[in-house]
Amino acid sequence: MLENVDWENMLEATWETIYMSGVAILFTFFFGILLGLILFLSSKGQLWENKVTNSIVATFVNVFRSVPFIILIILLIPFTNWVMGTMLGPNAALPALVIGSSAFYARLVEIGLREVDKGVVEAARSMGANQRHIIFKVFLPESMPALVSGITVTAILLISYTAMAGVIGAGGLGDLAFRDGFQRNSTDVTIVATVIISVIVFIVQGIGDVLTRKIDKR
């Protein structure tokens, strides 16, 4: 058992998975909050109410959120080649990872912002707070537990995305499990890669749960 596992390759693949996931999570957190804010603030009755803007952003989010990730990677090959200069390796997976997960996270951000107590917003307005203060000192801080919980869910989704990206040569544990495990009929490699991915998921979920409990003051 496990005699077919090349631990050096396994370690390298693990690092590639962590790298792809980590970088993608950082960009997803930024772009997801940006898209979610625009979605929420441009909706009816909000600070930036604008039907056209809301429709455009909602369409973008809905399209990229609904396309299966493996298809999204293929559709974005020209864009990825233009931005990264290659379709191989961990960096080549980043555009598809960020675009796909940002669209998913944007909806979670919008939901979190809608849960902010309207009374707190009205109190801020009555004290003379402008739009900038309401956004950065009311909406975002009040919704932070939901935002952290949402990015935790999205991070776990991203880890599964990296496994799919590996199938087309992006590297990582998914690539190793497919190339050395499935194609070479080495069940040991597939099992070890799966266990490591599961451990990474448990760690991310644990960190997310701890952060959410610390931030949530309710």
N, C-alpha and C. Protein backbone atom coordinates (compact mmCIF):
# COMPACT_ATOMS: atom_id res chain seq x y z
N MET A 1 0.83 -1.19 0.00
CA MET A 1 0.00 0.00 0.00
C MET A 1 0.87 1.25 0.00
N LEU A 2 0.57 2.21 -0.88
CA LEU A 2 1.24 3.50 -1.03
C LEU A 2 2.65 3.39 -1.63
N GLU A 3 3.03 2.20 -2.08
CA GLU A 3 4.36 2.07 -2.65
C GLU A 3 4.50 2.78 -3.99
N ASN A 4 3.35 3.07 -4.65
CA ASN A 4 3.39 3.73 -5.95
C ASN A 4 3.38 5.26 -5.84
N VAL A 5 3.29 5.76 -4.61
CA VAL A 5 3.19 7.21 -4.43
C VAL A 5 4.58 7.85 -4.47
N ASP A 6 4.74 8.82 -5.37
CA ASP A 6 5.96 9.62 -5.42
C ASP A 6 5.73 10.83 -4.51
N TRP A 7 6.28 10.80 -3.31
CA TRP A 7 5.98 11.82 -2.31
C TRP A 7 6.52 13.20 -2.68
N GLU A 8 7.58 13.22 -3.45
CA GLU A 8 8.11 14.52 -3.90
C GLU A 8 7.12 15.19 -4.84
N ASN A 9 6.59 14.42 -5.79
CA ASN A 9 5.57 14.95 -6.69
C ASN A 9 4.29 15.32 -5.93
N MET A 10 3.95 14.52 -4.93
CA MET A 10 2.75 14.79 -4.14
C MET A 10 2.89 16.11 -3.37
N LEU A 11 4.07 16.34 -2.82
CA LEU A 11 4.32 17.58 -2.08
C LEU A 11 4.25 18.78 -3.02
N GLU A 12 4.85 18.63 -4.20
CA GLU A 12 4.82 19.73 -5.18
C GLU A 12 3.38 20.02 -5.62
N ALA A 13 2.60 18.96 -5.85
CA ALA A 13 1.20 19.12 -6.26
C ALA A 13 0.37 19.78 -5.16
N THR A 14 0.67 19.41 -3.90
CA THR A 14 -0.04 20.01 -2.77
C THR A 14 0.25 21.50 -2.71
N TRP A 15 1.51 21.88 -2.88
CA TRP A 15 1.88 23.29 -2.87
C TRP A 15 1.17 24.03 -4.00
N GLU A 16 1.11 23.43 -5.19
CA GLU A 16 0.45 24.08 -6.33
C GLU A 16 -1.04 24.31 -6.04
N THR A 17 -1.67 23.33 -5.40
CA THR A 17 -3.09 23.47 -5.05
C THR A 17 -3.28 24.60 -4.03
N ILE A 18 -2.42 24.63 -3.02
CA ILE A 18 -2.50 25.69 -2.00
C ILE A 18 -2.24 27.06 -2.63
N TYR A 19 -1.27 27.11 -3.53
CA TYR A 19 -0.94 28.37 -4.21
C TYR A 19 -2.12 28.87 -5.04
N MET A 20 -2.67 28.00 -5.88
CA MET A 20 -3.80 28.40 -6.73
C MET A 20 -4.99 28.84 -5.88
N SER A 21 -5.28 28.08 -4.85
CA SER A 21 -6.42 28.39 -3.98
C SER A 21 -6.20 29.70 -3.24
N GLY A 22 -5.01 29.87 -2.67
CA GLY A 22 -4.72 31.06 -1.87
C GLY A 22 -4.78 32.34 -2.67
N VAL A 23 -4.11 32.35 -3.83
CA VAL A 23 -4.12 33.55 -4.67
C VAL A 23 -5.52 33.85 -5.17
N ALA A 24 -6.22 32.81 -5.61
CA ALA A 24 -7.58 33.00 -6.12
C ALA A 24 -8.52 33.51 -5.04
N ILE A 25 -8.34 33.04 -3.79
CA ILE A 25 -9.20 33.50 -2.68
C ILE A 25 -9.01 35.00 -2.44
N LEU A 26 -7.77 35.46 -2.48
CA LEU A 26 -7.50 36.88 -2.25
C LEU A 26 -8.18 37.75 -3.31
N PHE A 27 -8.02 37.38 -4.57
CA PHE A 27 -8.65 38.15 -5.65
C PHE A 27 -10.17 38.03 -5.61
N THR A 28 -10.64 36.84 -5.27
CA THR A 28 -12.09 36.61 -5.20
C THR A 28 -12.72 37.46 -4.11
N PHE A 29 -12.04 37.57 -2.97
CA PHE A 29 -12.56 38.37 -1.86
C PHE A 29 -12.73 39.83 -2.30
N PHE A 30 -11.74 40.35 -3.01
CA PHE A 30 -11.79 41.74 -3.47
C PHE A 30 -12.87 41.94 -4.54
N PHE A 31 -12.79 41.15 -5.62
CA PHE A 31 -13.72 41.34 -6.73
C PHE A 31 -15.15 40.93 -6.35
N GLY A 32 -15.27 39.91 -5.51
CA GLY A 32 -16.59 39.47 -5.08
C GLY A 32 -17.31 40.53 -4.27
N ILE A 33 -16.57 41.17 -3.34
CA ILE A 33 -17.17 42.23 -2.54
C ILE A 33 -17.52 43.42 -3.44
N LEU A 34 -16.65 43.74 -4.39
CA LEU A 34 -16.91 44.85 -5.31
C LEU A 34 -18.19 44.60 -6.12
N LEU A 35 -18.29 43.41 -6.71
CA LEU A 35 -19.48 43.06 -7.50
C LEU A 35 -20.72 43.00 -6.62
N GLY A 36 -20.58 42.41 -5.43
CA GLY A 36 -21.71 42.30 -4.52
C GLY A 36 -22.22 43.65 -4.07
N LEU A 37 -21.29 44.57 -3.78
CA LEU A 37 -21.67 45.93 -3.40
C LEU A 37 -22.44 46.62 -4.51
N ILE A 38 -21.92 46.51 -5.74
CA ILE A 38 -22.59 47.15 -6.87
C ILE A 38 -23.98 46.54 -7.07
N LEU A 39 -24.07 45.22 -6.97
CA LEU A 39 -25.36 44.54 -7.10
C LEU A 39 -26.36 45.06 -6.06
N PHE A 40 -25.90 45.14 -4.83
CA PHE A 40 -26.79 45.55 -3.74
C PHE A 40 -27.12 47.04 -3.81
N LEU A 41 -26.11 47.88 -3.95
CA LEU A 41 -26.32 49.32 -3.90
C LEU A 41 -27.06 49.87 -5.11
N SER A 42 -27.01 49.16 -6.24
CA SER A 42 -27.71 49.62 -7.44
C SER A 42 -29.13 49.06 -7.54
N SER A 43 -29.52 48.23 -6.57
CA SER A 43 -30.86 47.65 -6.60
C SER A 43 -31.90 48.66 -6.11
N LYS A 44 -33.15 48.35 -6.29
CA LYS A 44 -34.25 49.27 -5.97
C LYS A 44 -34.24 49.67 -4.50
N GLY A 45 -34.30 50.99 -4.28
CA GLY A 45 -34.39 51.52 -2.93
C GLY A 45 -33.07 51.70 -2.23
N GLN A 46 -31.94 51.38 -2.88
CA GLN A 46 -30.63 51.50 -2.25
C GLN A 46 -29.91 52.78 -2.68
N LEU A 47 -28.72 52.99 -2.16
CA LEU A 47 -28.00 54.25 -2.32
C LEU A 47 -27.72 54.63 -3.77
N TRP A 48 -27.37 53.64 -4.59
CA TRP A 48 -27.01 53.92 -5.98
C TRP A 48 -28.04 53.35 -6.95
N GLU A 49 -29.28 53.37 -6.60
CA GLU A 49 -30.31 52.72 -7.41
C GLU A 49 -30.15 53.06 -8.90
N ASN A 50 -29.93 52.02 -9.68
CA ASN A 50 -29.74 52.19 -11.13
C ASN A 50 -30.06 50.87 -11.80
N LYS A 51 -31.17 50.83 -12.48
CA LYS A 51 -31.66 49.58 -13.05
C LYS A 51 -30.73 49.02 -14.11
N VAL A 52 -30.15 49.90 -14.95
CA VAL A 52 -29.27 49.45 -16.02
C VAL A 52 -28.00 48.82 -15.45
N THR A 53 -27.37 49.52 -14.51
CA THR A 53 -26.15 48.99 -13.88
C THR A 53 -26.42 47.67 -13.18
N ASN A 54 -27.52 47.62 -12.45
CA ASN A 54 -27.88 46.41 -11.73
C ASN A 54 -28.09 45.24 -12.69
N SER A 55 -28.76 45.50 -13.81
CA SER A 55 -29.03 44.44 -14.80
C SER A 55 -27.75 43.92 -15.43
N ILE A 56 -26.82 44.84 -15.75
CA ILE A 56 -25.56 44.44 -16.38
C ILE A 56 -24.73 43.57 -15.44
N VAL A 57 -24.58 44.02 -14.19
CA VAL A 57 -23.77 43.28 -13.21
C VAL A 57 -24.44 41.95 -12.86
N ALA A 58 -25.78 41.97 -12.72
CA ALA A 58 -26.51 40.74 -12.40
C ALA A 58 -26.37 39.71 -13.52
N THR A 59 -26.40 40.19 -14.77
CA THR A 59 -26.24 39.28 -15.91
C THR A 59 -24.84 38.65 -15.91
N PHE A 60 -23.82 39.48 -15.68
CA PHE A 60 -22.45 38.98 -15.62
C PHE A 60 -22.31 37.90 -14.53
N VAL A 61 -22.82 38.22 -13.35
CA VAL A 61 -22.74 37.29 -12.21
C VAL A 61 -23.49 36.00 -12.50
N ASN A 62 -24.70 36.12 -13.03
CA ASN A 62 -25.53 34.94 -13.29
C ASN A 62 -24.91 34.03 -14.36
N VAL A 63 -24.35 34.64 -15.40
CA VAL A 63 -23.75 33.86 -16.49
C VAL A 63 -22.56 33.07 -15.99
N PHE A 64 -21.60 33.76 -15.35
CA PHE A 64 -20.37 33.09 -14.94
C PHE A 64 -20.58 32.20 -13.72
N ARG A 65 -21.67 32.43 -12.98
CA ARG A 65 -21.97 31.56 -11.85
C ARG A 65 -22.62 30.26 -12.30
N SER A 66 -23.29 30.30 -13.44
CA SER A 66 -24.06 29.14 -13.89
C SER A 66 -23.28 28.21 -14.82
N VAL A 67 -22.20 28.74 -15.44
CA VAL A 67 -21.44 27.91 -16.38
C VAL A 67 -20.60 26.90 -15.61
N PRO A 68 -20.69 25.61 -15.91
CA PRO A 68 -19.84 24.61 -15.25
C PRO A 68 -18.37 24.99 -15.38
N PHE A 69 -17.61 24.80 -14.32
CA PHE A 69 -16.25 25.33 -14.29
C PHE A 69 -15.36 24.76 -15.38
N ILE A 70 -15.49 23.47 -15.66
CA ILE A 70 -14.65 22.87 -16.68
C ILE A 70 -14.90 23.49 -18.05
N ILE A 71 -16.16 23.87 -18.30
CA ILE A 71 -16.51 24.56 -19.55
C ILE A 71 -15.98 25.99 -19.53
N LEU A 72 -16.07 26.64 -18.36
CA LEU A 72 -15.58 28.01 -18.22
C LEU A 72 -14.09 28.09 -18.55
N ILE A 73 -13.32 27.11 -18.08
CA ILE A 73 -11.88 27.08 -18.38
C ILE A 73 -11.65 27.06 -19.88
N ILE A 74 -12.42 26.22 -20.56
CA ILE A 74 -12.26 26.09 -22.01
C ILE A 74 -12.66 27.38 -22.72
N LEU A 75 -13.77 27.99 -22.28
CA LEU A 75 -14.23 29.24 -22.89
C LEU A 75 -13.22 30.37 -22.70
N LEU A 76 -12.49 30.33 -21.59
CA LEU A 76 -11.56 31.41 -21.27
C LEU A 76 -10.14 31.15 -21.76
N ILE A 77 -9.94 30.11 -22.55
CA ILE A 77 -8.59 29.80 -23.06
C ILE A 77 -7.97 30.99 -23.80
N PRO A 78 -8.69 31.65 -24.74
CA PRO A 78 -8.08 32.81 -25.41
C PRO A 78 -7.71 33.93 -24.45
N PHE A 79 -8.61 34.21 -23.49
CA PHE A 79 -8.36 35.26 -22.50
C PHE A 79 -7.17 34.88 -21.61
N THR A 80 -7.12 33.62 -21.19
CA THR A 80 -6.03 33.16 -20.33
C THR A 80 -4.69 33.24 -21.05
N ASN A 81 -4.68 32.83 -22.31
CA ASN A 81 -3.44 32.91 -23.10
C ASN A 81 -2.98 34.36 -23.25
N TRP A 82 -3.95 35.27 -23.41
CA TRP A 82 -3.63 36.68 -23.57
C TRP A 82 -3.07 37.27 -22.28
N VAL A 83 -3.68 36.93 -21.15
CA VAL A 83 -3.27 37.50 -19.86
C VAL A 83 -2.02 36.82 -19.31
N MET A 84 -2.00 35.49 -19.33
CA MET A 84 -0.92 34.74 -18.68
C MET A 84 0.16 34.26 -19.65
N GLY A 85 -0.15 34.23 -20.94
CA GLY A 85 0.83 33.80 -21.93
C GLY A 85 0.95 32.29 -22.06
N THR A 86 0.12 31.54 -21.34
CA THR A 86 0.16 30.08 -21.39
C THR A 86 -1.14 29.51 -20.85
N MET A 87 -1.41 28.25 -21.18
CA MET A 87 -2.56 27.56 -20.63
C MET A 87 -2.13 26.43 -19.70
N LEU A 88 -0.84 26.35 -19.41
CA LEU A 88 -0.32 25.29 -18.55
C LEU A 88 0.25 25.87 -17.27
N GLY A 89 0.16 25.10 -16.19
CA GLY A 89 0.71 25.52 -14.92
C GLY A 89 -0.29 26.20 -14.01
N PRO A 90 0.05 26.35 -12.73
CA PRO A 90 -0.87 26.93 -11.74
C PRO A 90 -1.34 28.33 -12.08
N ASN A 91 -0.44 29.18 -12.60
CA ASN A 91 -0.83 30.56 -12.92
C ASN A 91 -1.91 30.62 -14.00
N ALA A 92 -1.86 29.66 -14.92
CA ALA A 92 -2.83 29.65 -16.03
C ALA A 92 -4.25 29.38 -15.54
N ALA A 93 -4.37 28.76 -14.38
CA ALA A 93 -5.71 28.46 -13.85
C ALA A 93 -6.34 29.66 -13.16
N LEU A 94 -5.54 30.65 -12.78
CA LEU A 94 -6.03 31.75 -11.96
C LEU A 94 -7.16 32.57 -12.59
N PRO A 95 -7.08 32.97 -13.88
CA PRO A 95 -8.18 33.76 -14.44
C PRO A 95 -9.53 33.07 -14.33
N ALA A 96 -9.61 31.80 -14.70
CA ALA A 96 -10.89 31.08 -14.62
C ALA A 96 -11.32 30.90 -13.17
N LEU A 97 -10.36 30.61 -12.29
CA LEU A 97 -10.68 30.44 -10.87
C LEU A 97 -11.28 31.72 -10.29
N VAL A 98 -10.65 32.84 -10.57
CA VAL A 98 -11.09 34.12 -10.01
C VAL A 98 -12.43 34.54 -10.59
N ILE A 99 -12.59 34.43 -11.89
CA ILE A 99 -13.85 34.86 -12.52
C ILE A 99 -15.01 33.99 -12.05
N GLY A 100 -14.82 32.68 -12.05
CA GLY A 100 -15.90 31.78 -11.65
C GLY A 100 -16.28 31.93 -10.20
N SER A 101 -15.30 32.04 -9.31
CA SER A 101 -15.59 32.13 -7.89
C SER A 101 -16.06 33.52 -7.47
N SER A 102 -15.58 34.56 -8.15
CA SER A 102 -16.03 35.93 -7.84
C SER A 102 -17.51 36.09 -8.11
N ALA A 103 -17.98 35.50 -9.20
CA ALA A 103 -19.40 35.57 -9.52
C ALA A 103 -20.23 34.86 -8.45
N PHE A 104 -19.73 33.72 -8.00
CA PHE A 104 -20.42 32.97 -6.95
C PHE A 104 -20.43 33.75 -5.64
N TYR A 105 -19.27 34.29 -5.26
CA TYR A 105 -19.15 35.01 -4.00
C TYR A 105 -19.94 36.32 -4.00
N ALA A 106 -20.05 36.96 -5.17
CA ALA A 106 -20.79 38.22 -5.26
C ALA A 106 -22.22 38.06 -4.78
N ARG A 107 -22.85 36.94 -5.11
CA ARG A 107 -24.22 36.71 -4.66
C ARG A 107 -24.28 36.52 -3.14
N LEU A 108 -23.29 35.87 -2.58
CA LEU A 108 -23.25 35.70 -1.13
C LEU A 108 -23.05 37.05 -0.44
N VAL A 109 -22.22 37.91 -1.05
CA VAL A 109 -22.01 39.26 -0.51
C VAL A 109 -23.32 40.04 -0.55
N GLU A 110 -24.01 39.97 -1.65
CA GLU A 110 -25.29 40.68 -1.77
C GLU A 110 -26.27 40.23 -0.69
N ILE A 111 -26.36 38.92 -0.49
CA ILE A 111 -27.25 38.38 0.54
C ILE A 111 -26.85 38.89 1.93
N GLY A 112 -25.55 38.89 2.20
CA GLY A 112 -25.06 39.38 3.49
C GLY A 112 -25.40 40.84 3.72
N LEU A 113 -25.26 41.66 2.69
CA LEU A 113 -25.56 43.08 2.80
C LEU A 113 -27.05 43.32 3.03
N ARG A 114 -27.88 42.50 2.43
CA ARG A 114 -29.33 42.65 2.60
C ARG A 114 -29.77 42.29 4.03
N GLU A 115 -28.95 41.56 4.74
CA GLU A 115 -29.30 41.17 6.10
C GLU A 115 -28.95 42.23 7.14
N VAL A 116 -28.27 43.31 6.70
CA VAL A 116 -27.91 44.39 7.63
C VAL A 116 -29.18 45.08 8.13
N ASP A 117 -29.26 45.28 9.42
CA ASP A 117 -30.43 45.92 10.04
C ASP A 117 -30.65 47.31 9.48
N LYS A 118 -31.83 47.54 8.90
CA LYS A 118 -32.13 48.85 8.32
C LYS A 118 -32.13 49.95 9.37
N GLY A 119 -32.44 49.58 10.61
CA GLY A 119 -32.43 50.57 11.69
C GLY A 119 -31.05 51.17 11.90
N VAL A 120 -30.00 50.34 11.77
CA VAL A 120 -28.64 50.82 11.93
C VAL A 120 -28.30 51.81 10.82
N VAL A 121 -28.74 51.50 9.60
CA VAL A 121 -28.50 52.39 8.45
C VAL A 121 -29.21 53.72 8.65
N GLU A 122 -30.47 53.67 9.07
CA GLU A 122 -31.24 54.90 9.29
C GLU A 122 -30.63 55.73 10.42
N ALA A 123 -30.12 55.07 11.45
CA ALA A 123 -29.48 55.79 12.55
C ALA A 123 -28.23 56.53 12.05
N ALA A 124 -27.46 55.87 11.19
CA ALA A 124 -26.26 56.51 10.63
C ALA A 124 -26.64 57.71 9.77
N ARG A 125 -27.72 57.57 9.00
CA ARG A 125 -28.17 58.68 8.16
C ARG A 125 -28.61 59.86 9.02
N SER A 126 -29.32 59.56 10.09
CA SER A 126 -29.83 60.63 10.95
C SER A 126 -28.71 61.40 11.64
N MET A 127 -27.54 60.76 11.76
CA MET A 127 -26.38 61.43 12.37
C MET A 127 -25.51 62.12 11.32
N GLY A 128 -26.01 62.16 10.08
CA GLY A 128 -25.31 62.90 9.03
C GLY A 128 -24.28 62.12 8.26
N ALA A 129 -24.28 60.80 8.36
CA ALA A 129 -23.31 59.99 7.62
C ALA A 129 -23.57 60.07 6.12
N ASN A 130 -22.49 60.26 5.35
CA ASN A 130 -22.65 60.28 3.89
C ASN A 130 -22.59 58.86 3.34
N GLN A 131 -22.72 58.72 2.03
CA GLN A 131 -22.76 57.40 1.40
C GLN A 131 -21.49 56.59 1.70
N ARG A 132 -20.36 57.25 1.63
CA ARG A 132 -19.09 56.55 1.87
C ARG A 132 -19.05 55.97 3.28
N HIS A 133 -19.48 56.77 4.26
CA HIS A 133 -19.49 56.30 5.64
C HIS A 133 -20.48 55.16 5.84
N ILE A 134 -21.63 55.27 5.20
CA ILE A 134 -22.65 54.22 5.33
C ILE A 134 -22.13 52.90 4.77
N ILE A 135 -21.42 52.98 3.64
CA ILE A 135 -20.90 51.76 3.00
C ILE A 135 -19.78 51.14 3.83
N PHE A 136 -18.79 51.97 4.22
CA PHE A 136 -17.58 51.43 4.84
C PHE A 136 -17.65 51.34 6.37
N LYS A 137 -18.60 52.03 6.97
CA LYS A 137 -18.69 51.98 8.43
C LYS A 137 -19.98 51.35 8.94
N VAL A 138 -20.89 51.06 8.01
CA VAL A 138 -22.14 50.40 8.41
C VAL A 138 -22.32 49.09 7.67
N PHE A 139 -22.51 49.17 6.36
CA PHE A 139 -22.82 47.96 5.59
C PHE A 139 -21.73 46.89 5.69
N LEU A 140 -20.48 47.26 5.39
CA LEU A 140 -19.42 46.25 5.39
C LEU A 140 -19.10 45.71 6.79
N PRO A 141 -18.93 46.57 7.81
CA PRO A 141 -18.68 46.01 9.16
C PRO A 141 -19.83 45.16 9.69
N GLU A 142 -21.07 45.61 9.46
CA GLU A 142 -22.22 44.88 9.99
C GLU A 142 -22.42 43.53 9.29
N SER A 143 -22.01 43.46 8.03
CA SER A 143 -22.20 42.21 7.27
C SER A 143 -20.96 41.33 7.28
N MET A 144 -19.90 41.75 8.01
CA MET A 144 -18.63 41.03 7.96
C MET A 144 -18.74 39.55 8.35
N PRO A 145 -19.51 39.16 9.38
CA PRO A 145 -19.63 37.72 9.68
C PRO A 145 -20.15 36.94 8.48
N ALA A 146 -21.14 37.49 7.79
CA ALA A 146 -21.69 36.82 6.60
C ALA A 146 -20.66 36.79 5.47
N LEU A 147 -19.86 37.86 5.34
CA LEU A 147 -18.85 37.91 4.30
C LEU A 147 -17.75 36.89 4.54
N VAL A 148 -17.33 36.74 5.79
CA VAL A 148 -16.29 35.75 6.13
C VAL A 148 -16.83 34.33 5.95
N SER A 149 -18.05 34.11 6.39
CA SER A 149 -18.67 32.80 6.20
C SER A 149 -18.79 32.48 4.71
N GLY A 150 -19.15 33.50 3.93
CA GLY A 150 -19.29 33.31 2.48
C GLY A 150 -17.98 33.00 1.79
N ILE A 151 -16.90 33.70 2.21
CA ILE A 151 -15.61 33.44 1.56
C ILE A 151 -15.08 32.07 1.95
N THR A 152 -15.48 31.57 3.13
CA THR A 152 -15.10 30.21 3.53
C THR A 152 -15.74 29.19 2.60
N VAL A 153 -17.04 29.37 2.36
CA VAL A 153 -17.75 28.48 1.43
C VAL A 153 -17.13 28.56 0.04
N THR A 154 -16.82 29.79 -0.38
CA THR A 154 -16.24 29.99 -1.71
C THR A 154 -14.85 29.40 -1.80
N ALA A 155 -14.07 29.48 -0.72
CA ALA A 155 -12.72 28.91 -0.72
C ALA A 155 -12.76 27.40 -0.91
N ILE A 156 -13.73 26.76 -0.27
CA ILE A 156 -13.87 25.31 -0.43
C ILE A 156 -14.27 24.97 -1.87
N LEU A 157 -15.15 25.81 -2.44
CA LEU A 157 -15.51 25.63 -3.85
C LEU A 157 -14.28 25.79 -4.74
N LEU A 158 -13.44 26.77 -4.42
CA LEU A 158 -12.23 27.01 -5.19
C LEU A 158 -11.29 25.81 -5.18
N ILE A 159 -11.18 25.16 -4.03
CA ILE A 159 -10.31 23.99 -3.93
C ILE A 159 -10.79 22.89 -4.87
N SER A 160 -12.11 22.72 -4.96
CA SER A 160 -12.63 21.73 -5.90
C SER A 160 -12.40 22.19 -7.34
N TYR A 161 -12.46 23.50 -7.57
CA TYR A 161 -12.17 24.03 -8.91
C TYR A 161 -10.73 23.74 -9.33
N THR A 162 -9.78 23.85 -8.37
CA THR A 162 -8.38 23.59 -8.72
C THR A 162 -8.19 22.15 -9.15
N ALA A 163 -8.95 21.25 -8.54
CA ALA A 163 -8.86 19.84 -8.93
C ALA A 163 -9.32 19.65 -10.37
N MET A 164 -10.39 20.36 -10.75
CA MET A 164 -10.87 20.27 -12.14
C MET A 164 -9.89 20.94 -13.09
N ALA A 165 -9.31 22.06 -12.67
CA ALA A 165 -8.33 22.75 -13.51
C ALA A 165 -7.12 21.86 -13.79
N GLY A 166 -6.79 21.01 -12.82
CA GLY A 166 -5.66 20.11 -13.00
C GLY A 166 -5.84 19.13 -14.14
N VAL A 167 -7.08 18.82 -14.46
CA VAL A 167 -7.35 17.87 -15.54
C VAL A 167 -6.87 18.38 -16.89
N ILE A 168 -6.82 19.71 -17.06
CA ILE A 168 -6.37 20.26 -18.35
C ILE A 168 -4.95 20.82 -18.25
N GLY A 169 -4.20 20.39 -17.23
CA GLY A 169 -2.78 20.71 -17.17
C GLY A 169 -2.39 21.88 -16.31
N ALA A 170 -3.27 22.30 -15.38
CA ALA A 170 -2.94 23.44 -14.51
C ALA A 170 -2.08 23.02 -13.33
N GLY A 171 -1.85 21.73 -13.16
CA GLY A 171 -1.05 21.27 -12.04
C GLY A 171 -1.91 21.05 -10.80
N GLY A 172 -1.27 20.78 -9.68
CA GLY A 172 -1.98 20.57 -8.44
C GLY A 172 -2.38 19.11 -8.23
N LEU A 173 -3.10 18.89 -7.16
CA LEU A 173 -3.49 17.53 -6.78
C LEU A 173 -4.46 16.90 -7.77
N GLY A 174 -5.32 17.72 -8.37
CA GLY A 174 -6.24 17.19 -9.37
C GLY A 174 -5.52 16.64 -10.58
N ASP A 175 -4.50 17.38 -11.03
CA ASP A 175 -3.69 16.94 -12.16
C ASP A 175 -2.95 15.65 -11.82
N LEU A 176 -2.39 15.59 -10.60
CA LEU A 176 -1.64 14.40 -10.18
C LEU A 176 -2.56 13.19 -10.08
N ALA A 177 -3.74 13.40 -9.49
CA ALA A 177 -4.69 12.29 -9.34
C ALA A 177 -5.15 11.77 -10.70
N PHE A 178 -5.32 12.67 -11.66
CA PHE A 178 -5.77 12.26 -12.99
C PHE A 178 -4.64 11.62 -13.79
N ARG A 179 -3.49 12.29 -13.81
CA ARG A 179 -2.38 11.84 -14.65
C ARG A 179 -1.69 10.59 -14.09
N ASP A 180 -1.27 10.68 -12.81
CA ASP A 180 -0.54 9.55 -12.21
C ASP A 180 -1.47 8.52 -11.56
N GLY A 181 -2.65 8.97 -11.18
CA GLY A 181 -3.58 8.05 -10.53
C GLY A 181 -4.50 7.33 -11.51
N PHE A 182 -5.32 8.10 -12.22
CA PHE A 182 -6.30 7.50 -13.11
C PHE A 182 -5.67 6.91 -14.37
N GLN A 183 -4.89 7.73 -15.08
CA GLN A 183 -4.34 7.27 -16.36
C GLN A 183 -3.35 6.12 -16.20
N ARG A 184 -2.65 6.07 -15.10
CA ARG A 184 -1.68 5.00 -14.87
C ARG A 184 -2.23 3.91 -13.95
N ASN A 185 -3.53 4.02 -13.67
CA ASN A 185 -4.23 3.01 -12.86
C ASN A 185 -3.56 2.80 -11.50
N SER A 186 -3.15 3.93 -10.88
CA SER A 186 -2.51 3.86 -9.57
C SER A 186 -3.49 4.41 -8.53
N THR A 187 -4.24 3.51 -7.93
CA THR A 187 -5.25 3.90 -6.95
C THR A 187 -4.64 4.59 -5.74
N ASP A 188 -3.41 4.18 -5.37
CA ASP A 188 -2.73 4.78 -4.22
C ASP A 188 -2.62 6.30 -4.37
N VAL A 189 -2.20 6.74 -5.54
CA VAL A 189 -2.00 8.17 -5.78
C VAL A 189 -3.32 8.92 -5.69
N THR A 190 -4.36 8.34 -6.28
CA THR A 190 -5.67 8.97 -6.24
C THR A 190 -6.19 9.11 -4.81
N ILE A 191 -6.02 8.06 -4.02
CA ILE A 191 -6.50 8.08 -2.64
C ILE A 191 -5.75 9.12 -1.81
N VAL A 192 -4.42 9.15 -1.94
CA VAL A 192 -3.61 10.11 -1.16
C VAL A 192 -3.96 11.54 -1.56
N ALA A 193 -4.09 11.79 -2.86
CA ALA A 193 -4.44 13.13 -3.33
C ALA A 193 -5.80 13.56 -2.79
N THR A 194 -6.74 12.63 -2.78
CA THR A 194 -8.08 12.92 -2.27
C THR A 194 -8.05 13.23 -0.78
N VAL A 195 -7.27 12.46 -0.03
CA VAL A 195 -7.15 12.69 1.41
C VAL A 195 -6.55 14.05 1.69
N ILE A 196 -5.51 14.41 0.95
CA ILE A 196 -4.86 15.71 1.17
C ILE A 196 -5.83 16.86 0.86
N ILE A 197 -6.57 16.74 -0.23
CA ILE A 197 -7.56 17.77 -0.57
C ILE A 197 -8.60 17.88 0.55
N SER A 198 -9.03 16.75 1.07
CA SER A 198 -10.01 16.76 2.16
C SER A 198 -9.45 17.45 3.41
N VAL A 199 -8.17 17.19 3.71
CA VAL A 199 -7.53 17.83 4.86
C VAL A 199 -7.47 19.34 4.67
N ILE A 200 -7.11 19.77 3.46
CA ILE A 200 -7.07 21.21 3.17
C ILE A 200 -8.45 21.84 3.37
N VAL A 201 -9.48 21.15 2.90
CA VAL A 201 -10.86 21.64 3.05
C VAL A 201 -11.23 21.78 4.52
N PHE A 202 -10.90 20.75 5.34
CA PHE A 202 -11.22 20.80 6.77
C PHE A 202 -10.49 21.95 7.46
N ILE A 203 -9.24 22.18 7.07
CA ILE A 203 -8.47 23.28 7.66
C ILE A 203 -9.10 24.63 7.31
N VAL A 204 -9.43 24.81 6.04
CA VAL A 204 -10.06 26.07 5.60
C VAL A 204 -11.38 26.30 6.32
N GLN A 205 -12.20 25.23 6.41
CA GLN A 205 -13.49 25.35 7.10
C GLN A 205 -13.29 25.71 8.57
N GLY A 206 -12.31 25.09 9.20
CA GLY A 206 -12.05 25.38 10.61
C GLY A 206 -11.62 26.82 10.83
N ILE A 207 -10.71 27.31 9.97
CA ILE A 207 -10.26 28.70 10.08
C ILE A 207 -11.43 29.66 9.87
N GLY A 208 -12.25 29.36 8.86
CA GLY A 208 -13.41 30.21 8.57
C GLY A 208 -14.39 30.25 9.73
N ASP A 209 -14.64 29.11 10.34
CA ASP A 209 -15.57 29.05 11.48
C ASP A 209 -15.05 29.85 12.66
N VAL A 210 -13.74 29.75 12.94
CA VAL A 210 -13.15 30.49 14.06
C VAL A 210 -13.24 31.99 13.81
N LEU A 211 -12.89 32.43 12.61
CA LEU A 211 -12.95 33.86 12.27
C LEU A 211 -14.37 34.40 12.36
N THR A 212 -15.33 33.60 11.87
CA THR A 212 -16.73 34.04 11.90
C THR A 212 -17.21 34.22 13.34
N ARG A 213 -16.84 33.29 14.22
CA ARG A 213 -17.25 33.39 15.63
C ARG A 213 -16.60 34.60 16.31
N LYS A 214 -15.34 34.91 15.96
CA LYS A 214 -14.66 36.04 16.56
C LYS A 214 -15.25 37.37 16.10
N ILE A 215 -15.65 37.42 14.83
CA ILE A 215 -16.16 38.67 14.26
C ILE A 215 -17.61 38.92 14.67
N ASP A 216 -18.39 37.84 14.75
CA ASP A 216 -19.81 37.98 15.05
C ASP A 216 -20.01 38.35 16.52
N LYS A 217 -20.47 39.56 16.77
CA LYS A 217 -20.64 40.07 18.14
C LYS A 217 -22.08 39.92 18.63
N ARG A 218 -22.93 39.30 17.81
CA ARG A 218 -24.36 39.17 18.23
C ARG A 218 -24.49 38.15 19.35
